[in-house]
Every structure is written in C-alpha cells, then in structure tokens.
PDB file of N, CA and C in Angstrom:
ATOM      1  N   MET A   1     127.771 133.560  84.983  1.00  0.00           N
ATOM      2  CA  MET A   1     127.097 132.982  86.117  1.00  0.00           C
ATOM      3  C   MET A   1     127.820 133.448  87.381  1.00  0.00           C
ATOM      4  N   LYS A   2     127.046 133.794  88.376  1.00  0.00           N
ATOM      5  CA  LYS A   2     127.625 134.259  89.633  1.00  0.00           C
ATOM      6  C   LYS A   2     128.329 133.110  90.360  1.00  0.00           C
ATOM      7  N   LEU A   3     129.346 133.466  91.127  1.00  0.00           N
ATOM      8  CA  LEU A   3     130.119 132.474  91.872  1.00  0.00           C
ATOM      9  C   LEU A   3     129.233 131.695  92.846  1.00  0.00           C
ATOM     10  N   LYS A   4     128.310 132.390  93.470  1.00  0.00           N
ATOM     11  CA  LYS A   4     127.397 131.741  94.412  1.00  0.00           C
ATOM     12  C   LYS A   4     126.570 130.655  93.714  1.00  0.00           C
ATOM     13  N   ASN A   5     126.098 130.954  92.522  1.00  0.00           N
ATOM     14  CA  ASN A   5     125.326 129.978  91.756  1.00  0.00           C
ATOM     15  C   ASN A   5     126.187 128.800  91.318  1.00  0.00           C
ATOM     16  N   LYS A   6     127.429 129.065  90.943  1.00  0.00           N
ATOM     17  CA  LYS A   6     128.336 127.993  90.545  1.00  0.00           C
ATOM     18  C   LYS A   6     128.620 127.048  91.708  1.00  0.00           C
ATOM     19  N   ILE A   7     128.819 127.595  92.886  1.00  0.00           N
ATOM     20  CA  ILE A   7     129.097 126.770  94.060  1.00  0.00           C
ATOM     21  C   ILE A   7     127.885 125.901  94.391  1.00  0.00           C
ATOM     22  N   LEU A   8     126.699 126.486  94.356  1.00  0.00           N
ATOM     23  CA  LEU A   8     125.487 125.731  94.640  1.00  0.00           C
ATOM     24  C   LEU A   8     125.257 124.635  93.602  1.00  0.00           C
ATOM     25  N   LEU A   9     125.505 124.949  92.342  1.00  0.00           N
ATOM     26  CA  LEU A   9     125.364 123.966  91.270  1.00  0.00           C
ATOM     27  C   LEU A   9     126.374 122.833  91.441  1.00  0.00           C
ATOM     28  N   LEU A  10     127.586 123.162  91.843  1.00  0.00           N
ATOM     29  CA  LEU A  10     128.614 122.140  92.067  1.00  0.00           C
ATOM     30  C   LEU A  10     128.249 121.229  93.238  1.00  0.00           C
ATOM     31  N   ILE A  11     127.755 121.796  94.317  1.00  0.00           N
ATOM     32  CA  ILE A  11     127.349 120.982  95.471  1.00  0.00           C
ATOM     33  C   ILE A  11     126.212 120.047  95.093  1.00  0.00           C
ATOM     34  N   ASP A  12     125.225 120.564  94.384  1.00  0.00           N
ATOM     35  CA  ASP A  12     124.098 119.736  93.943  1.00  0.00           C
ATOM     36  C   ASP A  12     124.571 118.643  93.001  1.00  0.00           C
ATOM     37  N   CYS A  13     125.490 118.965  92.126  1.00  0.00           N
ATOM     38  CA  CYS A  13     126.055 117.996  91.183  1.00  0.00           C
ATOM     39  C   CYS A  13     126.755 116.860  91.938  1.00  0.00           C
ATOM     40  N   ILE A  14     127.583 117.201  92.898  1.00  0.00           N
ATOM     41  CA  ILE A  14     128.338 116.191  93.659  1.00  0.00           C
ATOM     42  C   ILE A  14     127.390 115.282  94.437  1.00  0.00           C
ATOM     43  N   VAL A  15     126.390 115.863  95.079  1.00  0.00           N
ATOM     44  CA  VAL A  15     125.425 115.061  95.847  1.00  0.00           C
ATOM     45  C   VAL A  15     124.683 114.101  94.926  1.00  0.00           C
ATOM     46  N   ASN A  16     124.230 114.591  93.765  1.00  0.00           N
ATOM     47  CA  ASN A  16     123.514 113.726  92.825  1.00  0.00           C
ATOM     48  C   ASN A  16     124.400 112.616  92.283  1.00  0.00           C
ATOM     49  N   LEU A  17     125.632 112.931  91.937  1.00  0.00           N
ATOM     50  CA  LEU A  17     126.537 111.912  91.415  1.00  0.00           C
ATOM     51  C   LEU A  17     126.814 110.834  92.461  1.00  0.00           C
ATOM     52  N   LEU A  18     127.098 111.235  93.692  1.00  0.00           N
ATOM     53  CA  LEU A  18     127.388 110.267  94.749  1.00  0.00           C
ATOM     54  C   LEU A  18     126.172 109.402  95.076  1.00  0.00           C
ATOM     55  N   LEU A  19     125.015 110.023  95.217  1.00  0.00           N
ATOM     56  CA  LEU A  19     123.810 109.253  95.525  1.00  0.00           C
ATOM     57  C   LEU A  19     123.456 108.312  94.376  1.00  0.00           C
ATOM     58  N   GLY A  20     123.626 108.782  93.150  1.00  0.00           N
ATOM     59  CA  GLY A  20     123.354 107.924  91.994  1.00  0.00           C
ATOM     60  C   GLY A  20     124.276 106.718  91.943  1.00  0.00           C
ATOM     61  N   ILE A  21     125.572 106.945  92.176  1.00  0.00           N
ATOM     62  CA  ILE A  21     126.532 105.834  92.169  1.00  0.00           C
ATOM     63  C   ILE A  21     126.208 104.835  93.276  1.00  0.00           C
ATOM     64  N   LEU A  22     125.890 105.346  94.459  1.00  0.00           N
ATOM     65  CA  LEU A  22     125.561 104.451  95.570  1.00  0.00           C
ATOM     66  C   LEU A  22     124.303 103.629  95.282  1.00  0.00           C
ATOM     67  N   LEU A  23     123.296 104.255  94.684  1.00  0.00           N
ATOM     68  CA  LEU A  23     122.073 103.518  94.357  1.00  0.00           C
ATOM     69  C   LEU A  23     122.303 102.480  93.268  1.00  0.00           C
ATOM     70  N   ILE A  24     123.186 102.772  92.333  1.00  0.00           N
ATOM     71  CA  ILE A  24     123.468 101.807  91.269  1.00  0.00           C
ATOM     72  C   ILE A  24     124.269 100.623  91.816  1.00  0.00           C
ATOM     73  N   LEU A  25     125.274 100.907  92.640  1.00  0.00           N
ATOM     74  CA  LEU A  25     126.158  99.851  93.119  1.00  0.00           C
ATOM     75  C   LEU A  25     125.626  99.090  94.333  1.00  0.00           C
ATOM     76  N   PHE A  26     124.968  99.785  95.248  1.00  0.00           N
ATOM     77  CA  PHE A  26     124.489  99.170  96.493  1.00  0.00           C
ATOM     78  C   PHE A  26     123.025  99.521  96.729  1.00  0.00           C
ATOM     79  N   PRO A  27     122.115  99.070  95.868  1.00  0.00           N
ATOM     80  CA  PRO A  27     120.724  99.528  95.971  1.00  0.00           C
ATOM     81  C   PRO A  27     120.047  99.154  97.285  1.00  0.00           C
ATOM     82  N   ILE A  28     120.236  97.936  97.764  1.00  0.00           N
ATOM     83  CA  ILE A  28     119.540  97.508  98.980  1.00  0.00           C
ATOM     84  C   ILE A  28     120.051  98.273 100.204  1.00  0.00           C
ATOM     85  N   GLY A  29     121.370  98.447 100.315  1.00  0.00           N
ATOM     86  CA  GLY A  29     121.933  99.174 101.450  1.00  0.00           C
ATOM     87  C   GLY A  29     121.476 100.620 101.503  1.00  0.00           C
ATOM     88  N   VAL A  30     121.416 101.273 100.362  1.00  0.00           N
ATOM     89  CA  VAL A  30     120.995 102.675 100.326  1.00  0.00           C
ATOM     90  C   VAL A  30     119.499 102.777 100.615  1.00  0.00           C
ATOM     91  N   ILE A  31     118.724 101.831 100.093  1.00  0.00           N
ATOM     92  CA  ILE A  31     117.284 101.822 100.356  1.00  0.00           C
ATOM     93  C   ILE A  31     117.035 101.695 101.860  1.00  0.00           C
ATOM     94  N   ASP A  32     117.755 100.781 102.512  1.00  0.00           N
ATOM     95  CA  ASP A  32     117.615 100.617 103.964  1.00  0.00           C
ATOM     96  C   ASP A  32     118.047 101.879 104.706  1.00  0.00           C
ATOM     97  N   PHE A  33     119.170 102.463 104.301  1.00  0.00           N
ATOM     98  CA  PHE A  33     119.696 103.655 104.969  1.00  0.00           C
ATOM     99  C   PHE A  33     118.732 104.835 104.854  1.00  0.00           C
ATOM    100  N   LEU A  34     118.130 105.015 103.671  1.00  0.00           N
ATOM    101  CA  LEU A  34     117.222 106.138 103.447  1.00  0.00           C
ATOM    102  C   LEU A  34     115.817 105.880 103.974  1.00  0.00           C
ATOM    103  N   GLY A  35     115.524 104.625 104.325  1.00  0.00           N
ATOM    104  CA  GLY A  35     114.200 104.308 104.839  1.00  0.00           C
ATOM    105  C   GLY A  35     113.134 104.221 103.767  1.00  0.00           C
ATOM    106  N   LEU A  36     113.539 103.930 102.540  1.00  0.00           N
ATOM    107  CA  LEU A  36     112.581 103.801 101.440  1.00  0.00           C
ATOM    108  C   LEU A  36     111.931 102.421 101.476  1.00  0.00           C
ATOM    109  N   PRO A  37     110.776 102.262 100.844  1.00  0.00           N
ATOM    110  CA  PRO A  37     110.111 100.959 100.848  1.00  0.00           C
ATOM    111  C   PRO A  37     110.956  99.887 100.170  1.00  0.00           C
ATOM    112  N   GLN A  38     110.918  98.683 100.733  1.00  0.00           N
ATOM    113  CA  GLN A  38     111.673  97.555 100.182  1.00  0.00           C
ATOM    114  C   GLN A  38     111.050  97.066  98.875  1.00  0.00           C
ATOM    115  N   THR A  39     111.879  96.528  98.011  1.00  0.00           N
ATOM    116  CA  THR A  39     111.413  95.917  96.771  1.00  0.00           C
ATOM    117  C   THR A  39     111.971  94.501  96.693  1.00  0.00           C
ATOM    118  N   ASN A  40     111.348  93.698  95.831  1.00  0.00           N
ATOM    119  CA  ASN A  40     111.813  92.325  95.655  1.00  0.00           C
ATOM    120  C   ASN A  40     113.035  92.244  94.751  1.00  0.00           C
ATOM    121  N   THR A  41     113.211  93.240  93.918  1.00  0.00           N
ATOM    122  CA  THR A  41     114.335  93.253  92.984  1.00  0.00           C
ATOM    123  C   THR A  41     115.110  94.561  93.133  1.00  0.00           C
ATOM    124  N   ASN A  42     116.248  94.617  92.484  1.00  0.00           N
ATOM    125  CA  ASN A  42     117.053  95.841  92.486  1.00  0.00           C
ATOM    126  C   ASN A  42     116.716  96.760  91.319  1.00  0.00           C
ATOM    127  N   PHE A  43     115.689  96.419  90.547  1.00  0.00           N
ATOM    128  CA  PHE A  43     115.372  97.158  89.326  1.00  0.00           C
ATOM    129  C   PHE A  43     115.067  98.634  89.607  1.00  0.00           C
ATOM    130  N   TYR A  44     114.094  98.899  90.455  1.00  0.00           N
ATOM    131  CA  TYR A  44     113.681 100.280  90.678  1.00  0.00           C
ATOM    132  C   TYR A  44     114.741 101.128  91.381  1.00  0.00           C
ATOM    133  N   PRO A  45     115.418 100.617  92.398  1.00  0.00           N
ATOM    134  CA  PRO A  45     116.490 101.439  92.985  1.00  0.00           C
ATOM    135  C   PRO A  45     117.625 101.723  91.996  1.00  0.00           C
ATOM    136  N   SER A  46     117.935 100.751  91.133  1.00  0.00           N
ATOM    137  CA  SER A  46     118.998 100.965  90.146  1.00  0.00           C
ATOM    138  C   SER A  46     118.593 102.009  89.116  1.00  0.00           C
ATOM    139  N   ILE A  47     117.347 101.952  88.668  1.00  0.00           N
ATOM    140  CA  ILE A  47     116.866 102.952  87.708  1.00  0.00           C
ATOM    141  C   ILE A  47     116.844 104.333  88.350  1.00  0.00           C
ATOM    142  N   LEU A  48     116.400 104.404  89.591  1.00  0.00           N
ATOM    143  CA  LEU A  48     116.415 105.679  90.306  1.00  0.00           C
ATOM    144  C   LEU A  48     117.846 106.212  90.412  1.00  0.00           C
ATOM    145  N   GLY A  49     118.799 105.325  90.719  1.00  0.00           N
ATOM    146  CA  GLY A  49     120.197 105.732  90.776  1.00  0.00           C
ATOM    147  C   GLY A  49     120.707 106.232  89.437  1.00  0.00           C
ATOM    148  N   ALA A  50     120.291 105.572  88.354  1.00  0.00           N
ATOM    149  CA  ALA A  50     120.717 105.995  87.017  1.00  0.00           C
ATOM    150  C   ALA A  50     120.169 107.376  86.682  1.00  0.00           C
ATOM    151  N   VAL A  51     118.915 107.620  87.022  1.00  0.00           N
ATOM    152  CA  VAL A  51     118.318 108.928  86.736  1.00  0.00           C
ATOM    153  C   VAL A  51     118.992 110.014  87.573  1.00  0.00           C
ATOM    154  N   ILE A  52     119.222 109.736  88.841  1.00  0.00           N
ATOM    155  CA  ILE A  52     119.888 110.733  89.690  1.00  0.00           C
ATOM    156  C   ILE A  52     121.319 110.975  89.223  1.00  0.00           C
ATOM    157  N   PHE A  53     122.026 109.921  88.821  1.00  0.00           N
ATOM    158  CA  PHE A  53     123.381 110.080  88.295  1.00  0.00           C
ATOM    159  C   PHE A  53     123.355 110.892  86.995  1.00  0.00           C
ATOM    160  N   GLY A  54     122.384 110.621  86.133  1.00  0.00           N
ATOM    161  CA  GLY A  54     122.244 111.386  84.889  1.00  0.00           C
ATOM    162  C   GLY A  54     121.967 112.851  85.152  1.00  0.00           C
ATOM    163  N   ILE A  55     121.156 113.139  86.149  1.00  0.00           N
ATOM    164  CA  ILE A  55     120.894 114.530  86.516  1.00  0.00           C
ATOM    165  C   ILE A  55     122.178 115.187  87.016  1.00  0.00           C
ATOM    166  N   GLY A  56     122.970 114.447  87.774  1.00  0.00           N
ATOM    167  CA  GLY A  56     124.260 114.980  88.235  1.00  0.00           C
ATOM    168  C   GLY A  56     125.187 115.298  87.074  1.00  0.00           C
ATOM    169  N   LEU A  57     125.215 114.417  86.068  1.00  0.00           N
ATOM    170  CA  LEU A  57     126.034 114.695  84.881  1.00  0.00           C
ATOM    171  C   LEU A  57     125.518 115.910  84.116  1.00  0.00           C
ATOM    172  N   ALA A  58     124.204 116.027  84.025  1.00  0.00           N
ATOM    173  CA  ALA A  58     123.626 117.190  83.340  1.00  0.00           C
ATOM    174  C   ALA A  58     123.986 118.481  84.083  1.00  0.00           C
ATOM    175  N   LEU A  59     123.970 118.436  85.398  1.00  0.00           N
ATOM    176  CA  LEU A  59     124.377 119.612  86.181  1.00  0.00           C
ATOM    177  C   LEU A  59     125.851 119.929  85.971  1.00  0.00           C
ATOM    178  N   LEU A  60     126.670 118.897  85.874  1.00  0.00           N
ATOM    179  CA  LEU A  60     128.093 119.098  85.622  1.00  0.00           C
ATOM    180  C   LEU A  60     128.311 119.730  84.250  1.00  0.00           C
ATOM    181  N   PHE A  61     127.580 119.264  83.247  1.00  0.00           N
ATOM    182  CA  PHE A  61     127.692 119.859  81.914  1.00  0.00           C
ATOM    183  C   PHE A  61     127.203 121.297  81.915  1.00  0.00           C
ATOM    184  N   GLU A  62     126.167 121.576  82.672  1.00  0.00           N
ATOM    185  CA  GLU A  62     125.677 122.949  82.783  1.00  0.00           C
ATOM    186  C   GLU A  62     126.745 123.843  83.392  1.00  0.00           C
ATOM    187  N   LEU A  63     127.401 123.340  84.414  1.00  0.00           N
ATOM    188  CA  LEU A  63     128.438 124.116  85.091  1.00  0.00           C
ATOM    189  C   LEU A  63     129.650 124.327  84.198  1.00  0.00           C
ATOM    190  N   ALA A  64     130.102 123.259  83.537  1.00  0.00           N
ATOM    191  CA  ALA A  64     131.319 123.347  82.729  1.00  0.00           C
ATOM    192  C   ALA A  64     131.084 124.032  81.380  1.00  0.00           C
ATOM    193  N   GLY A  65     129.910 123.901  80.835  1.00  0.00           N
ATOM    194  CA  GLY A  65     129.675 124.412  79.489  1.00  0.00           C
ATOM    195  C   GLY A  65     128.993 125.753  79.430  1.00  0.00           C
ATOM    196  N   HIS A  66     128.815 126.404  80.568  1.00  0.00           N
ATOM    197  CA  HIS A  66     128.091 127.679  80.576  1.00  0.00           C
ATOM    198  C   HIS A  66     128.782 128.726  79.721  1.00  0.00           C
ATOM    199  N   ALA A  67     130.100 128.810  79.796  1.00  0.00           N
ATOM    200  CA  ALA A  67     130.831 129.814  79.016  1.00  0.00           C
ATOM    201  C   ALA A  67     130.804 129.497  77.526  1.00  0.00           C
ATOM    202  N   LYS A  68     130.655 128.218  77.177  1.00  0.00           N
ATOM    203  CA  LYS A  68     130.641 127.810  75.774  1.00  0.00           C
ATOM    204  C   LYS A  68     129.229 127.716  75.221  1.00  0.00           C
ATOM    205  N   ARG A  69     128.260 128.148  76.008  1.00  0.00           N
ATOM    206  CA  ARG A  69     126.845 128.128  75.648  1.00  0.00           C
ATOM    207  C   ARG A  69     126.299 126.720  75.435  1.00  0.00           C
ATOM    208  N   PHE A  70     126.916 125.749  76.098  1.00  0.00           N
ATOM    209  CA  PHE A  70     126.389 124.381  76.092  1.00  0.00           C
ATOM    210  C   PHE A  70     125.524 124.240  77.323  1.00  0.00           C
ATOM    211  N   ARG A  71     124.269 123.938  77.127  1.00  0.00           N
ATOM    212  CA  ARG A  71     123.329 123.867  78.236  1.00  0.00           C
ATOM    213  C   ARG A  71     123.097 122.418  78.636  1.00  0.00           C
ATOM    214  N   GLY A  72     123.471 122.072  79.849  1.00  0.00           N
ATOM    215  CA  GLY A  72     123.285 120.718  80.334  1.00  0.00           C
ATOM    216  C   GLY A  72     121.888 120.451  80.860  1.00  0.00           C
ATOM    217  N   LEU A  73     121.131 121.501  81.134  1.00  0.00           N
ATOM    218  CA  LEU A  73     119.801 121.313  81.694  1.00  0.00           C
ATOM    219  C   LEU A  73     118.718 121.452  80.631  1.00  0.00           C
ATOM    220  N   GLY A  74     119.103 121.435  79.381  1.00  0.00           N
ATOM    221  CA  GLY A  74     118.151 121.480  78.284  1.00  0.00           C
ATOM    222  C   GLY A  74     118.042 120.115  77.634  1.00  0.00           C
ATOM    223  N   LEU A  75     117.967 120.121  76.310  1.00  0.00           N
ATOM    224  CA  LEU A  75     117.835 118.876  75.559  1.00  0.00           C
ATOM    225  C   LEU A  75     119.040 117.973  75.748  1.00  0.00           C
ATOM    226  N   GLY A  76     120.243 118.544  75.805  1.00  0.00           N
ATOM    227  CA  GLY A  76     121.450 117.737  76.011  1.00  0.00           C
ATOM    228  C   GLY A  76     121.420 117.001  77.338  1.00  0.00           C
ATOM    229  N   GLY A  77     120.951 117.651  78.377  1.00  0.00           N
ATOM    230  CA  GLY A  77     120.848 117.011  79.678  1.00  0.00           C
ATOM    231  C   GLY A  77     119.807 115.902  79.686  1.00  0.00           C
ATOM    232  N   ALA A  78     118.689 116.136  79.016  1.00  0.00           N
ATOM    233  CA  ALA A  78     117.650 115.105  78.942  1.00  0.00           C
ATOM    234  C   ALA A  78     118.155 113.875  78.197  1.00  0.00           C
ATOM    235  N   ILE A  79     118.886 114.095  77.133  1.00  0.00           N
ATOM    236  CA  ILE A  79     119.456 112.973  76.379  1.00  0.00           C
ATOM    237  C   ILE A  79     120.466 112.225  77.236  1.00  0.00           C
ATOM    238  N   LEU A  80     121.278 112.950  77.971  1.00  0.00           N
ATOM    239  CA  LEU A  80     122.278 112.331  78.847  1.00  0.00           C
ATOM    240  C   LEU A  80     121.625 111.480  79.932  1.00  0.00           C
ATOM    241  N   ILE A  81     120.562 111.971  80.524  1.00  0.00           N
ATOM    242  CA  ILE A  81     119.838 111.212  81.545  1.00  0.00           C
ATOM    243  C   ILE A  81     119.284 109.929  80.943  1.00  0.00           C
ATOM    244  N   ASN A  82     118.721 109.993  79.753  1.00  0.00           N
ATOM    245  CA  ASN A  82     118.185 108.798  79.095  1.00  0.00           C
ATOM    246  C   ASN A  82     119.280 107.799  78.740  1.00  0.00           C
ATOM    247  N   ILE A  83     120.436 108.288  78.328  1.00  0.00           N
ATOM    248  CA  ILE A  83     121.544 107.386  77.986  1.00  0.00           C
ATOM    249  C   ILE A  83     122.031 106.650  79.227  1.00  0.00           C
ATOM    250  N   VAL A  84     122.194 107.366  80.336  1.00  0.00           N
ATOM    251  CA  VAL A  84     122.645 106.718  81.568  1.00  0.00           C
ATOM    252  C   VAL A  84     121.612 105.683  82.027  1.00  0.00           C
ATOM    253  N   GLY A  85     120.339 106.026  81.978  1.00  0.00           N
ATOM    254  CA  GLY A  85     119.290 105.075  82.343  1.00  0.00           C
ATOM    255  C   GLY A  85     119.296 103.845  81.464  1.00  0.00           C
ATOM    256  N   SER A  86     119.519 104.036  80.171  1.00  0.00           N
ATOM    257  CA  SER A  86     119.575 102.914  79.237  1.00  0.00           C
ATOM    258  C   SER A  86     120.775 102.018  79.520  1.00  0.00           C
ATOM    259  N   LEU A  87     121.908 102.620  79.836  1.00  0.00           N
ATOM    260  CA  LEU A  87     123.108 101.821  80.132  1.00  0.00           C
ATOM    261  C   LEU A  87     122.920 100.982  81.399  1.00  0.00           C
ATOM    262  N   VAL A  88     122.276 101.554  82.404  1.00  0.00           N
ATOM    263  CA  VAL A  88     122.035 100.787  83.619  1.00  0.00           C
ATOM    264  C   VAL A  88     121.053  99.645  83.347  1.00  0.00           C
ATOM    265  N   LEU A  89     120.040  99.896  82.534  1.00  0.00           N
ATOM    266  CA  LEU A  89     119.123  98.821  82.158  1.00  0.00           C
ATOM    267  C   LEU A  89     119.847  97.726  81.398  1.00  0.00           C
ATOM    268  N   PHE A  90     120.717  98.106  80.495  1.00  0.00           N
ATOM    269  CA  PHE A  90     121.406  97.151  79.657  1.00  0.00           C
ATOM    270  C   PHE A  90     122.390  96.300  80.457  1.00  0.00           C
ATOM    271  N   PHE A  91     123.186  96.958  81.315  1.00  0.00           N
ATOM    272  CA  PHE A  91     124.220  96.233  82.061  1.00  0.00           C
ATOM    273  C   PHE A  91     123.748  95.728  83.414  1.00  0.00           C
ATOM    274  N   GLY A  92     122.595  96.193  83.902  1.00  0.00           N
ATOM    275  CA  GLY A  92     122.108  95.785  85.214  1.00  0.00           C
ATOM    276  C   GLY A  92     121.291  94.606  85.138  1.00  0.00           C
TER     277      GLY A  92
END
C-alpha cells in the first residue's frame, strides 16, 4: 500500500474513532454541536456512534493487517461493526 493511502486511511480511522466515542459517551452534546435533529432518547445517536466507531476499528484493522493479508474492510470489518453495535445496545 502506498504511503499516501496509509496516511489517508489513518486520518479517516482517527476521525471515525473519535466521532464514534463522542457519540457513544455524549450523544446529546454531539447532536447539538453537529446540528442533527433532536431525539427523545439517546438510542439512535448511540447506535450511530457504535457504527462509526466500528467502521473506525475496521479501518484500523485494514491499515494494520494489510501486510498479513487481513482485510478489515471485508467480512471481518462487517463482523467487527456488528459486534461494536451489539455491545453498545447491550451496555447502553
């Protein structure tokens, strides 16, 4: 993988991880900051945060596992996104 692609993948990964964590921990504050429609519960912002965080993890696995032929943006990434979403549902 080219260095330029690795840097772009890393930046996207960091942004997704940070936004996902913020949405999971502070859903109302992030919703207000981003100007998204208000909800009566934290359910949808938390799920959105879990999915975005899962995508960030999948990007991280893609970046770290490229040399080992582990693909984070394939089936492994999809499973990881579902696991993170399930954990947020369970503990949220």
